[in-house]
PDB file of all heavy atoms in Angstrom:
ATOM      1  N   ILE A   1      -1.995  -2.361  -5.856  1.00  0.00           N
ATOM      2  CA  ILE A   1      -3.007  -1.774  -4.974  1.00  0.00           C
ATOM      3  C   ILE A   1      -3.828  -2.875  -4.303  1.00  0.00           C
ATOM      4  O   ILE A   1      -4.104  -2.823  -3.102  1.00  0.00           O
ATOM      5  CB  ILE A   1      -3.923  -0.821  -5.764  1.00  0.00           C
ATOM      6  CG1 ILE A   1      -3.151   0.426  -6.196  1.00  0.00           C
ATOM      7  CG2 ILE A   1      -5.144  -0.423  -4.934  1.00  0.00           C
ATOM      8  CD1 ILE A   1      -3.884   1.278  -7.209  1.00  0.00           C
ATOM      9  N   SER A   2      -4.215  -3.892  -5.075  1.00  0.00           N
ATOM     10  CA  SER A   2      -5.051  -4.962  -4.535  1.00  0.00           C
ATOM     11  C   SER A   2      -4.317  -5.782  -3.472  1.00  0.00           C
ATOM     12  O   SER A   2      -4.945  -6.336  -2.564  1.00  0.00           O
ATOM     13  CB  SER A   2      -5.536  -5.878  -5.660  1.00  0.00           C
ATOM     14  OG  SER A   2      -4.499  -6.748  -6.090  1.00  0.00           O
ATOM     15  N   LEU A   3      -3.001  -5.860  -3.594  1.00  0.00           N
ATOM     16  CA  LEU A   3      -2.208  -6.619  -2.624  1.00  0.00           C
ATOM     17  C   LEU A   3      -1.885  -5.815  -1.371  1.00  0.00           C
ATOM     18  O   LEU A   3      -1.643  -6.384  -0.302  1.00  0.00           O
ATOM     19  CB  LEU A   3      -0.900  -7.090  -3.271  1.00  0.00           C
ATOM     20  CG  LEU A   3      -1.009  -8.092  -4.420  1.00  0.00           C
ATOM     21  CD1 LEU A   3       0.368  -8.356  -5.023  1.00  0.00           C
ATOM     22  CD2 LEU A   3      -1.630  -9.397  -3.943  1.00  0.00           C
ATOM     23  N   SER A   4      -1.867  -4.498  -1.509  1.00  0.00           N
ATOM     24  CA  SER A   4      -1.410  -3.643  -0.407  1.00  0.00           C
ATOM     25  C   SER A   4      -2.256  -3.771   0.856  1.00  0.00           C
ATOM     26  O   SER A   4      -1.728  -3.768   1.969  1.00  0.00           O
ATOM     27  CB  SER A   4      -1.369  -2.180  -0.860  1.00  0.00           C
ATOM     28  OG  SER A   4      -2.679  -1.712  -1.170  1.00  0.00           O
ATOM     29  N   ALA A   5      -3.572  -3.888   0.686  1.00  0.00           N
ATOM     30  CA  ALA A   5      -4.453  -3.962   1.846  1.00  0.00           C
ATOM     31  C   ALA A   5      -4.382  -5.319   2.546  1.00  0.00           C
ATOM     32  O   ALA A   5      -4.737  -5.441   3.720  1.00  0.00           O
ATOM     33  CB  ALA A   5      -5.894  -3.664   1.437  1.00  0.00           C
ATOM     34  N   ILE A   6      -3.938  -6.335   1.821  1.00  0.00           N
ATOM     35  CA  ILE A   6      -3.833  -7.677   2.395  1.00  0.00           C
ATOM     36  C   ILE A   6      -2.443  -7.912   2.976  1.00  0.00           C
ATOM     37  O   ILE A   6      -2.287  -8.565   4.013  1.00  0.00           O
ATOM     38  CB  ILE A   6      -4.145  -8.743   1.320  1.00  0.00           C
ATOM     39  CG1 ILE A   6      -5.537  -8.516   0.736  1.00  0.00           C
ATOM     40  CG2 ILE A   6      -4.049 -10.150   1.925  1.00  0.00           C
ATOM     41  CD1 ILE A   6      -6.656  -8.617   1.745  1.00  0.00           C
ATOM     42  N   PHE A   7      -1.445  -7.366   2.308  1.00  0.00           N
ATOM     43  CA  PHE A   7      -0.061  -7.549   2.749  1.00  0.00           C
ATOM     44  C   PHE A   7       0.600  -6.186   2.962  1.00  0.00           C
ATOM     45  O   PHE A   7       1.472  -5.781   2.181  1.00  0.00           O
ATOM     46  CB  PHE A   7       0.725  -8.356   1.713  1.00  0.00           C
ATOM     47  CG  PHE A   7       0.088  -9.662   1.343  1.00  0.00           C
ATOM     48  CD1 PHE A   7      -0.525  -9.829   0.098  1.00  0.00           C
ATOM     49  CD2 PHE A   7       0.091 -10.723   2.237  1.00  0.00           C
ATOM     50  CE1 PHE A   7      -1.112 -11.036  -0.248  1.00  0.00           C
ATOM     51  CE2 PHE A   7      -0.499 -11.942   1.896  1.00  0.00           C
ATOM     52  CZ  PHE A   7      -1.113 -12.097   0.661  1.00  0.00           C
ATOM     53  N   PRO A   8       0.202  -5.465   4.001  1.00  0.00           N
ATOM     54  CA  PRO A   8       0.744  -4.114   4.229  1.00  0.00           C
ATOM     55  C   PRO A   8       2.248  -4.089   4.483  1.00  0.00           C
ATOM     56  O   PRO A   8       2.893  -3.065   4.270  1.00  0.00           O
ATOM     57  CB  PRO A   8      -0.036  -3.637   5.458  1.00  0.00           C
ATOM     58  CG  PRO A   8      -0.476  -4.881   6.154  1.00  0.00           C
ATOM     59  CD  PRO A   8      -0.759  -5.863   5.046  1.00  0.00           C
ATOM     60  N   ARG A   9       2.793  -5.202   4.938  1.00  0.00           N
ATOM     61  CA  ARG A   9       4.220  -5.232   5.234  1.00  0.00           C
ATOM     62  C   ARG A   9       5.073  -5.111   3.977  1.00  0.00           C
ATOM     63  O   ARG A   9       6.286  -4.894   4.074  1.00  0.00           O
ATOM     64  CB  ARG A   9       4.575  -6.507   5.986  1.00  0.00           C
ATOM     65  CG  ARG A   9       4.014  -6.536   7.412  1.00  0.00           C
ATOM     66  CD  ARG A   9       4.492  -7.746   8.183  1.00  0.00           C
ATOM     67  NE  ARG A   9       3.965  -7.757   9.542  1.00  0.00           N
ATOM     68  CZ  ARG A   9       4.223  -8.706  10.440  1.00  0.00           C
ATOM     69  NH1 ARG A   9       5.012  -9.723  10.101  1.00  0.00           N
ATOM     70  NH2 ARG A   9       3.697  -8.640  11.640  1.00  0.00           N
ATOM     71  N   ARG A  10       4.443  -5.262   2.824  1.00  0.00           N
ATOM     72  CA  ARG A  10       5.169  -5.010   1.578  1.00  0.00           C
ATOM     73  C   ARG A  10       5.659  -3.569   1.539  1.00  0.00           C
ATOM     74  O   ARG A  10       6.609  -3.240   0.844  1.00  0.00           O
ATOM     75  CB  ARG A  10       4.271  -5.279   0.363  1.00  0.00           C
ATOM     76  CG  ARG A  10       3.821  -6.726   0.241  1.00  0.00           C
ATOM     77  CD  ARG A  10       2.814  -6.936  -0.886  1.00  0.00           C
ATOM     78  NE  ARG A  10       3.453  -6.891  -2.186  1.00  0.00           N
ATOM     79  CZ  ARG A  10       3.283  -5.920  -3.067  1.00  0.00           C
ATOM     80  NH1 ARG A  10       2.496  -4.906  -2.778  1.00  0.00           N
ATOM     81  NH2 ARG A  10       3.880  -5.964  -4.235  1.00  0.00           N
ATOM     82  N   TYR A  11       4.956  -2.708   2.276  1.00  0.00           N
ATOM     83  CA  TYR A  11       5.339  -1.296   2.377  1.00  0.00           C
ATOM     84  C   TYR A  11       6.009  -0.975   3.711  1.00  0.00           C
ATOM     85  O   TYR A  11       6.211   0.185   4.048  1.00  0.00           O
ATOM     86  CB  TYR A  11       4.109  -0.407   2.179  1.00  0.00           C
ATOM     87  CG  TYR A  11       3.791  -0.171   0.719  1.00  0.00           C
ATOM     88  CD1 TYR A  11       2.837  -0.921   0.066  1.00  0.00           C
ATOM     89  CD2 TYR A  11       4.478   0.800  -0.011  1.00  0.00           C
ATOM     90  CE1 TYR A  11       2.557  -0.725  -1.287  1.00  0.00           C
ATOM     91  CE2 TYR A  11       4.209   1.017  -1.351  1.00  0.00           C
ATOM     92  CZ  TYR A  11       3.252   0.254  -1.984  1.00  0.00           C
ATOM     93  OH  TYR A  11       2.978   0.453  -3.323  1.00  0.00           O
ATOM     94  N   GLY A  12       6.284  -2.014   4.473  1.00  0.00           N
ATOM     95  CA  GLY A  12       6.975  -1.817   5.734  1.00  0.00           C
ATOM     96  C   GLY A  12       6.127  -1.205   6.821  1.00  0.00           C
ATOM     97  O   GLY A  12       6.646  -0.578   7.748  1.00  0.00           O
ATOM     98  N   VAL A  13       4.795  -1.364   6.715  1.00  0.00           N
ATOM     99  CA  VAL A  13       3.885  -0.814   7.727  1.00  0.00           C
ATOM    100  C   VAL A  13       2.914  -1.909   8.179  1.00  0.00           C
ATOM    101  O   VAL A  13       2.759  -2.933   7.517  1.00  0.00           O
ATOM    102  CB  VAL A  13       3.084   0.391   7.177  1.00  0.00           C
ATOM    103  CG1 VAL A  13       4.018   1.537   6.826  1.00  0.00           C
ATOM    104  CG2 VAL A  13       2.254  -0.011   5.947  1.00  0.00           C
ATOM    105  N   GLU A  14       2.263  -1.679   9.312  1.00  0.00           N
ATOM    106  CA  GLU A  14       1.274  -2.625   9.830  1.00  0.00           C
ATOM    107  C   GLU A  14      -0.140  -2.253   9.406  1.00  0.00           C
ATOM    108  O   GLU A  14      -1.019  -3.106   9.295  1.00  0.00           O
ATOM    109  CB  GLU A  14       1.355  -2.675  11.362  1.00  0.00           C
ATOM    110  CG  GLU A  14       2.682  -3.199  11.904  1.00  0.00           C
ATOM    111  CD  GLU A  14       2.907  -4.667  11.585  1.00  0.00           C
ATOM    112  OE1 GLU A  14       1.912  -5.402  11.418  1.00  0.00           O
ATOM    113  OE2 GLU A  14       4.086  -5.068  11.478  1.00  0.00           O
ATOM    114  N   SER A  15      -0.368  -0.968   9.184  1.00  0.00           N
ATOM    115  CA  SER A  15      -1.703  -0.480   8.845  1.00  0.00           C
ATOM    116  C   SER A  15      -2.060  -0.788   7.390  1.00  0.00           C
ATOM    117  O   SER A  15      -1.333  -0.408   6.468  1.00  0.00           O
ATOM    118  CB  SER A  15      -1.784   1.027   9.080  1.00  0.00           C
ATOM    119  OG  SER A  15      -2.968   1.569   8.521  1.00  0.00           O
ATOM    120  N   ARG A  16      -3.169  -1.468   7.199  1.00  0.00           N
ATOM    121  CA  ARG A  16      -3.632  -1.783   5.842  1.00  0.00           C
ATOM    122  C   ARG A  16      -4.011  -0.501   5.089  1.00  0.00           C
ATOM    123  O   ARG A  16      -3.754  -0.379   3.894  1.00  0.00           O
ATOM    124  CB  ARG A  16      -4.834  -2.732   5.894  1.00  0.00           C
ATOM    125  CG  ARG A  16      -4.533  -4.066   6.552  1.00  0.00           C
ATOM    126  CD  ARG A  16      -5.785  -4.941   6.623  1.00  0.00           C
ATOM    127  NE  ARG A  16      -5.559  -6.125   7.427  1.00  0.00           N
ATOM    128  CZ  ARG A  16      -4.998  -7.252   6.971  1.00  0.00           C
ATOM    129  NH1 ARG A  16      -4.606  -7.326   5.723  1.00  0.00           N
ATOM    130  NH2 ARG A  16      -4.845  -8.291   7.769  1.00  0.00           N
ATOM    131  N   TRP A  17      -4.645   0.436   5.804  1.00  0.00           N
ATOM    132  CA  TRP A  17      -5.055   1.683   5.182  1.00  0.00           C
ATOM    133  C   TRP A  17      -3.853   2.502   4.737  1.00  0.00           C
ATOM    134  O   TRP A  17      -3.851   3.085   3.647  1.00  0.00           O
ATOM    135  CB  TRP A  17      -5.923   2.472   6.141  1.00  0.00           C
ATOM    136  CG  TRP A  17      -6.367   3.814   5.638  1.00  0.00           C
ATOM    137  CD1 TRP A  17      -6.085   5.022   6.176  1.00  0.00           C
ATOM    138  CD2 TRP A  17      -7.158   4.080   4.477  1.00  0.00           C
ATOM    139  NE1 TRP A  17      -6.652   6.037   5.441  1.00  0.00           N
ATOM    140  CE2 TRP A  17      -7.328   5.485   4.383  1.00  0.00           C
ATOM    141  CE3 TRP A  17      -7.753   3.270   3.502  1.00  0.00           C
ATOM    142  CZ2 TRP A  17      -8.051   6.092   3.369  1.00  0.00           C
ATOM    143  CZ3 TRP A  17      -8.480   3.880   2.489  1.00  0.00           C
ATOM    144  CH2 TRP A  17      -8.616   5.272   2.427  1.00  0.00           C
ATOM    145  N   ALA A  18      -2.819   2.537   5.574  1.00  0.00           N
ATOM    146  CA  ALA A  18      -1.605   3.274   5.228  1.00  0.00           C
ATOM    147  C   ALA A  18      -0.940   2.659   3.993  1.00  0.00           C
ATOM    148  O   ALA A  18      -0.504   3.375   3.083  1.00  0.00           O
ATOM    149  CB  ALA A  18      -0.631   3.276   6.404  1.00  0.00           C
ATOM    150  N   ALA A  19      -0.886   1.334   3.939  1.00  0.00           N
ATOM    151  CA  ALA A  19      -0.294   0.647   2.786  1.00  0.00           C
ATOM    152  C   ALA A  19      -1.114   0.894   1.524  1.00  0.00           C
ATOM    153  O   ALA A  19      -0.559   1.088   0.431  1.00  0.00           O
ATOM    154  CB  ALA A  19      -0.197  -0.849   3.067  1.00  0.00           C
ATOM    155  N   PHE A  20      -2.435   0.896   1.692  1.00  0.00           N
ATOM    156  CA  PHE A  20      -3.333   1.139   0.566  1.00  0.00           C
ATOM    157  C   PHE A  20      -3.091   2.525  -0.031  1.00  0.00           C
ATOM    158  O   PHE A  20      -2.998   2.692  -1.257  1.00  0.00           O
ATOM    159  CB  PHE A  20      -4.788   1.011   1.048  1.00  0.00           C
ATOM    160  CG  PHE A  20      -5.824   1.157  -0.030  1.00  0.00           C
ATOM    161  CD1 PHE A  20      -6.040   0.152  -0.949  1.00  0.00           C
ATOM    162  CD2 PHE A  20      -6.596   2.312  -0.107  1.00  0.00           C
ATOM    163  CE1 PHE A  20      -7.010   0.286  -1.942  1.00  0.00           C
ATOM    164  CE2 PHE A  20      -7.567   2.449  -1.083  1.00  0.00           C
ATOM    165  CZ  PHE A  20      -7.772   1.442  -2.007  1.00  0.00           C
ATOM    166  N   LYS A  21      -2.957   3.531   0.830  1.00  0.00           N
ATOM    167  CA  LYS A  21      -2.702   4.894   0.366  1.00  0.00           C
ATOM    168  C   LYS A  21      -1.328   5.003  -0.295  1.00  0.00           C
ATOM    169  O   LYS A  21      -1.166   5.708  -1.307  1.00  0.00           O
ATOM    170  CB  LYS A  21      -2.814   5.876   1.528  1.00  0.00           C
ATOM    171  CG  LYS A  21      -4.238   6.068   2.046  1.00  0.00           C
ATOM    172  CD  LYS A  21      -4.338   7.232   3.019  1.00  0.00           C
ATOM    173  CE  LYS A  21      -3.605   6.941   4.306  1.00  0.00           C
ATOM    174  NZ  LYS A  21      -3.776   8.045   5.294  1.00  0.00           N
ATOM    175  N   MET A  22      -0.353   4.321   0.253  1.00  0.00           N
ATOM    176  CA  MET A  22       0.995   4.338  -0.332  1.00  0.00           C
ATOM    177  C   MET A  22       0.997   3.688  -1.710  1.00  0.00           C
ATOM    178  O   MET A  22       1.700   4.132  -2.626  1.00  0.00           O
ATOM    179  CB  MET A  22       1.978   3.640   0.601  1.00  0.00           C
ATOM    180  CG  MET A  22       2.214   4.391   1.918  1.00  0.00           C
ATOM    181  SD  MET A  22       3.084   3.402   3.168  1.00  0.00           S
ATOM    182  CE  MET A  22       4.738   3.406   2.479  1.00  0.00           C
ATOM    183  N   ALA A  23       0.188   2.648  -1.858  1.00  0.00           N
ATOM    184  CA  ALA A  23       0.096   1.970  -3.158  1.00  0.00           C
ATOM    185  C   ALA A  23      -0.513   2.892  -4.206  1.00  0.00           C
ATOM    186  O   ALA A  23      -0.100   2.887  -5.375  1.00  0.00           O
ATOM    187  CB  ALA A  23      -0.735   0.691  -3.027  1.00  0.00           C
ATOM    188  N   TRP A  24      -1.497   3.705  -3.801  1.00  0.00           N
ATOM    189  CA  TRP A  24      -2.100   4.649  -4.737  1.00  0.00           C
ATOM    190  C   TRP A  24      -1.121   5.757  -5.126  1.00  0.00           C
ATOM    191  O   TRP A  24      -1.115   6.223  -6.264  1.00  0.00           O
ATOM    192  CB  TRP A  24      -3.373   5.258  -4.152  1.00  0.00           C
ATOM    193  CG  TRP A  24      -4.586   4.443  -4.470  1.00  0.00           C
ATOM    194  CD1 TRP A  24      -5.270   3.630  -3.616  1.00  0.00           C
ATOM    195  CD2 TRP A  24      -5.232   4.320  -5.737  1.00  0.00           C
ATOM    196  NE1 TRP A  24      -6.319   3.016  -4.274  1.00  0.00           N
ATOM    197  CE2 TRP A  24      -6.321   3.427  -5.573  1.00  0.00           C
ATOM    198  CE3 TRP A  24      -5.007   4.875  -6.985  1.00  0.00           C
ATOM    199  CZ2 TRP A  24      -7.171   3.077  -6.615  1.00  0.00           C
ATOM    200  CZ3 TRP A  24      -5.864   4.539  -8.032  1.00  0.00           C
ATOM    201  CH2 TRP A  24      -6.918   3.645  -7.843  1.00  0.00           C
ATOM    202  N   LYS A  25      -0.293   6.152  -4.172  1.00  0.00           N
ATOM    203  CA  LYS A  25       0.737   7.148  -4.492  1.00  0.00           C
ATOM    204  C   LYS A  25       1.732   6.574  -5.502  1.00  0.00           C
ATOM    205  O   LYS A  25       2.163   7.277  -6.425  1.00  0.00           O
ATOM    206  CB  LYS A  25       1.464   7.570  -3.217  1.00  0.00           C
ATOM    207  CG  LYS A  25       0.628   8.439  -2.292  1.00  0.00           C
ATOM    208  CD  LYS A  25       1.404   8.826  -1.042  1.00  0.00           C
ATOM    209  CE  LYS A  25       0.550   9.686  -0.115  1.00  0.00           C
ATOM    210  NZ  LYS A  25       1.276  10.051   1.132  1.00  0.00           N
ATOM    211  N   ASP A  26       2.067   5.304  -5.333  1.00  0.00           N
ATOM    212  CA  ASP A  26       2.955   4.652  -6.301  1.00  0.00           C
ATOM    213  C   ASP A  26       2.281   4.550  -7.672  1.00  0.00           C
ATOM    214  O   ASP A  26       2.934   4.705  -8.707  1.00  0.00           O
ATOM    215  CB  ASP A  26       3.348   3.257  -5.809  1.00  0.00           C
ATOM    216  CG  ASP A  26       4.481   3.299  -4.795  1.00  0.00           C
ATOM    217  OD1 ASP A  26       5.120   4.359  -4.657  1.00  0.00           O
ATOM    218  OD2 ASP A  26       4.728   2.260  -4.147  1.00  0.00           O
ATOM    219  N   ALA A  27       0.968   4.287  -7.662  1.00  0.00           N
ATOM    220  CA  ALA A  27       0.233   4.204  -8.929  1.00  0.00           C
ATOM    221  C   ALA A  27       0.285   5.539  -9.663  1.00  0.00           C
ATOM    222  O   ALA A  27       0.449   5.588 -10.892  1.00  0.00           O
ATOM    223  CB  ALA A  27      -1.210   3.788  -8.672  1.00  0.00           C
ATOM    224  N   ALA A  28       0.140   6.632  -8.907  1.00  0.00           N
ATOM    225  CA  ALA A  28       0.202   7.964  -9.516  1.00  0.00           C
ATOM    226  C   ALA A  28       1.562   8.194 -10.168  1.00  0.00           C
ATOM    227  O   ALA A  28       1.652   8.780 -11.256  1.00  0.00           O
ATOM    228  CB  ALA A  28      -0.066   9.031  -8.454  1.00  0.00           C
ATOM    229  N   LYS A  29       2.619   7.733  -9.514  1.00  0.00           N
ATOM    230  CA  LYS A  29       3.958   7.883 -10.077  1.00  0.00           C
ATOM    231  C   LYS A  29       4.123   7.029 -11.327  1.00  0.00           C
ATOM    232  O   LYS A  29       4.715   7.462 -12.324  1.00  0.00           O
ATOM    233  CB  LYS A  29       5.012   7.504  -9.033  1.00  0.00           C
ATOM    234  CG  LYS A  29       5.056   8.425  -7.829  1.00  0.00           C
ATOM    235  CD  LYS A  29       6.012   7.904  -6.767  1.00  0.00           C
ATOM    236  CE  LYS A  29       5.978   8.772  -5.518  1.00  0.00           C
ATOM    237  NZ  LYS A  29       6.851   8.222  -4.440  1.00  0.00           N
ATOM    238  N   ILE A  30       3.593   5.820 -11.285  1.00  0.00           N
ATOM    239  CA  ILE A  30       3.665   4.911 -12.432  1.00  0.00           C
ATOM    240  C   ILE A  30       2.934   5.494 -13.637  1.00  0.00           C
ATOM    241  O   ILE A  30       3.336   5.303 -14.793  1.00  0.00           O
ATOM    242  CB  ILE A  30       3.059   3.533 -12.064  1.00  0.00           C
ATOM    243  CG1 ILE A  30       4.055   2.724 -11.245  1.00  0.00           C
ATOM    244  CG2 ILE A  30       2.646   2.760 -13.306  1.00  0.00           C
ATOM    245  CD1 ILE A  30       5.264   2.241 -12.012  1.00  0.00           C
TER     246      ILE A  30
END
């Protein structure tokens, strides 16, 4: 989650907010 807002391309997106939300969804799955 902490990396998602800095490196959004890890999720294949440009938006930091979108990556941040995707990281939280992954956290819920974990």
